Amino acid sequence: MNKWDKRFMDMVKQIAEWSSCYQHNRKIGAIIVKDKRILATGYNGAPSGYPSCVERGECIRRIRDIPSGTKQEYCYAIHAEQNAIVQAAKLGVYIDEATLYCTHQPSVICEKLIVNSGIIRVVYKEPYPDSLAIEILKNSRVSLEQYVEGN
């Protein structure tokens, strides 16, 4: 890890605070970077124009007692990594061979998008219980690195 990794990981923590996820422990942020330049950002939240969990005052996953890392389709939110990739696409920003920094290890849904978008490096802080995501990465050209504070 280098000083730029620290800078971008510090920024991704701030972006995570923008999350409209009802669960405090699920405030997740992402930044796509290339050549030390931020190309796109994302945080987990409801689709544009749709009421967020915070606005609803409830979390559908909590109500249905869905364990973390399972049934990801049962959530009002779009993942931070998905939002960053969609933002880049919407703005016509080329993200091939970029690095994605995120607060949490991406889910399998996000990993598939990451692989197909051309991102080649993912740096995350917190692990996520999704073994299929790791398996998919092992068969791709994407490097997955856990950021450890102080390195």
Protein backbone atom coordinates (compact mmCIF):
# COMPACT_ATOMS: atom_id res chain seq x y z
CA MET A 1 0.00 0.00 0.00
CA ASN A 2 1.15 3.55 -0.61
CA LYS A 3 0.26 7.10 0.41
CA TRP A 4 -2.27 7.37 -2.44
CA ASP A 5 -4.06 4.26 -1.19
CA LYS A 6 -4.36 5.91 2.23
CA ARG A 7 -5.65 9.15 0.73
CA PHE A 8 -8.31 7.42 -1.33
CA MET A 9 -9.32 5.12 1.54
CA ASP A 10 -9.74 8.20 3.77
CA MET A 11 -11.95 9.77 1.09
CA VAL A 12 -14.04 6.64 0.60
CA LYS A 13 -14.90 6.65 4.33
CA GLN A 14 -16.29 10.17 3.93
CA ILE A 15 -18.31 9.22 0.87
CA ALA A 16 -19.77 6.28 2.81
CA GLU A 17 -21.34 8.78 5.22
CA TRP A 18 -23.61 9.94 2.38
CA SER A 19 -25.30 6.53 2.42
CA SER A 20 -29.06 6.44 2.88
CA CYS A 21 -28.94 2.90 4.28
CA TYR A 22 -30.95 2.48 7.47
CA GLN A 23 -28.34 0.21 9.08
CA HIS A 24 -25.39 2.20 10.44
CA ASN A 25 -22.97 -0.68 9.82
CA ARG A 26 -23.91 -0.71 6.14
CA LYS A 27 -22.73 2.76 5.18
CA ILE A 28 -20.57 1.86 2.21
CA GLY A 29 -18.64 4.08 -0.16
CA ALA A 30 -16.65 3.55 -3.36
CA ILE A 31 -14.29 5.60 -5.53
CA ILE A 32 -13.00 4.69 -8.97
CA VAL A 33 -9.52 6.07 -9.61
CA LYS A 34 -7.05 6.04 -12.48
CA ASP A 35 -3.69 7.78 -12.66
CA LYS A 36 -4.33 9.33 -9.20
CA ARG A 37 -7.52 10.99 -10.48
CA ILE A 38 -11.02 10.33 -9.14
CA LEU A 39 -13.25 9.26 -12.03
CA ALA A 40 -16.48 8.42 -10.16
CA THR A 41 -17.86 7.95 -6.67
CA GLY A 42 -20.71 5.92 -5.24
CA TYR A 43 -22.43 5.09 -1.99
CA ASN A 44 -25.19 2.65 -1.16
CA GLY A 45 -28.66 4.08 -1.43
CA ALA A 46 -32.02 3.79 -3.12
CA PRO A 47 -32.40 4.31 -6.88
CA SER A 48 -32.92 7.93 -7.97
CA GLY A 49 -36.38 9.16 -7.03
CA TYR A 50 -37.17 6.10 -4.89
CA PRO A 51 -37.60 6.54 -1.12
CA SER A 52 -34.52 5.40 0.80
CA CYS A 53 -34.51 3.19 3.87
CA VAL A 54 -33.78 6.26 6.00
CA GLU A 55 -36.83 8.03 4.53
CA ARG A 56 -38.94 4.90 5.06
CA GLY A 57 -37.59 4.45 8.59
CA GLU A 58 -37.05 0.75 8.00
CA CYS A 59 -34.75 -1.81 6.45
CA ILE A 60 -36.44 -4.57 4.46
CA ARG A 61 -33.50 -6.89 5.21
CA ARG A 62 -33.93 -6.35 8.94
CA ILE A 63 -37.69 -6.86 8.74
CA ARG A 64 -37.22 -10.16 6.89
CA ASP A 65 -34.22 -11.18 9.06
CA ILE A 66 -31.98 -11.74 6.03
CA PRO A 67 -28.36 -12.56 6.96
CA SER A 68 -25.54 -10.43 5.57
CA GLY A 69 -24.08 -11.76 2.34
CA THR A 70 -27.28 -13.50 1.25
CA LYS A 71 -30.30 -12.62 -0.90
CA GLN A 72 -28.77 -9.35 -2.02
CA GLU A 73 -31.73 -8.66 -4.27
CA TYR A 74 -33.85 -8.08 -1.15
CA CYS A 75 -32.66 -4.53 -0.53
CA TYR A 76 -33.88 -1.13 -1.63
CA ALA A 77 -30.30 0.10 -2.00
CA ILE A 78 -27.95 -0.05 -4.93
CA HIS A 79 -24.45 -0.98 -3.78
CA ALA A 80 -21.77 1.72 -3.67
CA GLU A 81 -19.63 -0.05 -6.26
CA GLN A 82 -22.62 -0.37 -8.60
CA ASN A 83 -23.43 3.32 -8.19
CA ALA A 84 -19.83 4.32 -8.97
CA ILE A 85 -19.75 2.16 -12.13
CA VAL A 86 -23.18 3.45 -13.24
CA GLN A 87 -22.10 7.04 -12.58
CA ALA A 88 -19.02 6.56 -14.77
CA ALA A 89 -21.16 5.05 -17.55
CA LYS A 90 -23.76 7.80 -17.30
CA LEU A 91 -21.05 10.46 -17.63
CA GLY A 92 -19.17 8.59 -20.37
CA VAL A 93 -16.08 8.13 -18.20
CA TYR A 94 -13.68 5.38 -19.30
CA ILE A 95 -12.80 3.18 -16.29
CA ASP A 96 -10.83 0.39 -18.00
CA GLU A 97 -7.70 -0.50 -15.95
CA ALA A 98 -8.83 1.67 -13.03
CA THR A 99 -8.70 0.96 -9.29
CA LEU A 100 -11.85 0.79 -7.18
CA TYR A 101 -11.48 1.75 -3.51
CA CYS A 102 -14.31 0.71 -1.21
CA THR A 103 -15.09 0.51 2.47
CA HIS A 104 -16.13 -3.16 2.24
CA GLN A 105 -15.10 -6.10 0.09
CA PRO A 106 -17.49 -6.14 -2.88
CA SER A 107 -20.35 -8.62 -3.12
CA VAL A 108 -20.60 -11.17 -5.92
CA ILE A 109 -23.04 -8.92 -7.79
CA CYS A 110 -20.56 -6.05 -7.63
CA GLU A 111 -17.60 -8.28 -8.48
CA LYS A 112 -19.24 -9.36 -11.73
CA LEU A 113 -19.75 -5.72 -12.70
CA ILE A 114 -16.20 -4.85 -11.66
CA VAL A 115 -14.73 -7.64 -13.79
CA ASN A 116 -16.81 -6.71 -16.84
CA SER A 117 -16.18 -2.96 -16.46
CA GLY A 118 -12.41 -3.42 -16.88
CA ILE A 119 -11.42 -2.38 -13.35
CA ILE A 120 -8.20 -4.24 -12.55
CA ARG A 121 -7.63 -3.52 -8.84
CA VAL A 122 -9.95 -3.41 -5.83
CA VAL A 123 -8.78 -2.08 -2.46
CA TYR A 124 -11.17 -2.55 0.46
CA LYS A 125 -11.05 -2.24 4.24
CA GLU A 126 -13.73 -4.50 5.74
CA PRO A 127 -14.27 -8.13 4.66
CA TYR A 128 -17.65 -9.33 3.43
CA PRO A 129 -19.00 -12.89 3.75
CA ASP A 130 -19.25 -13.75 0.06
CA SER A 131 -17.05 -16.67 -1.02
CA LEU A 132 -18.44 -16.71 -4.58
CA ALA A 133 -17.13 -13.17 -5.09
CA ILE A 134 -13.61 -14.38 -4.22
CA GLU A 135 -13.97 -17.36 -6.56
CA ILE A 136 -14.99 -15.09 -9.44
CA LEU A 137 -12.00 -12.84 -8.84
CA LYS A 138 -9.57 -15.77 -8.81
CA ASN A 139 -10.56 -16.42 -12.42
CA SER A 140 -10.23 -12.80 -13.52
CA ARG A 141 -7.49 -10.24 -13.91
CA VAL A 142 -8.75 -8.18 -10.97
CA SER A 143 -6.42 -7.84 -7.99
CA LEU A 144 -8.18 -7.80 -4.58
CA GLU A 145 -6.27 -6.15 -1.71
CA GLN A 146 -7.38 -5.57 1.86
CA TYR A 147 -6.28 -2.18 3.16
CA VAL A 148 -4.81 -2.32 6.63
CA GLU A 149 -4.55 0.99 8.51
CA GLY A 150 -0.95 2.04 9.09
CA ASN A 151 0.60 0.10 6.19
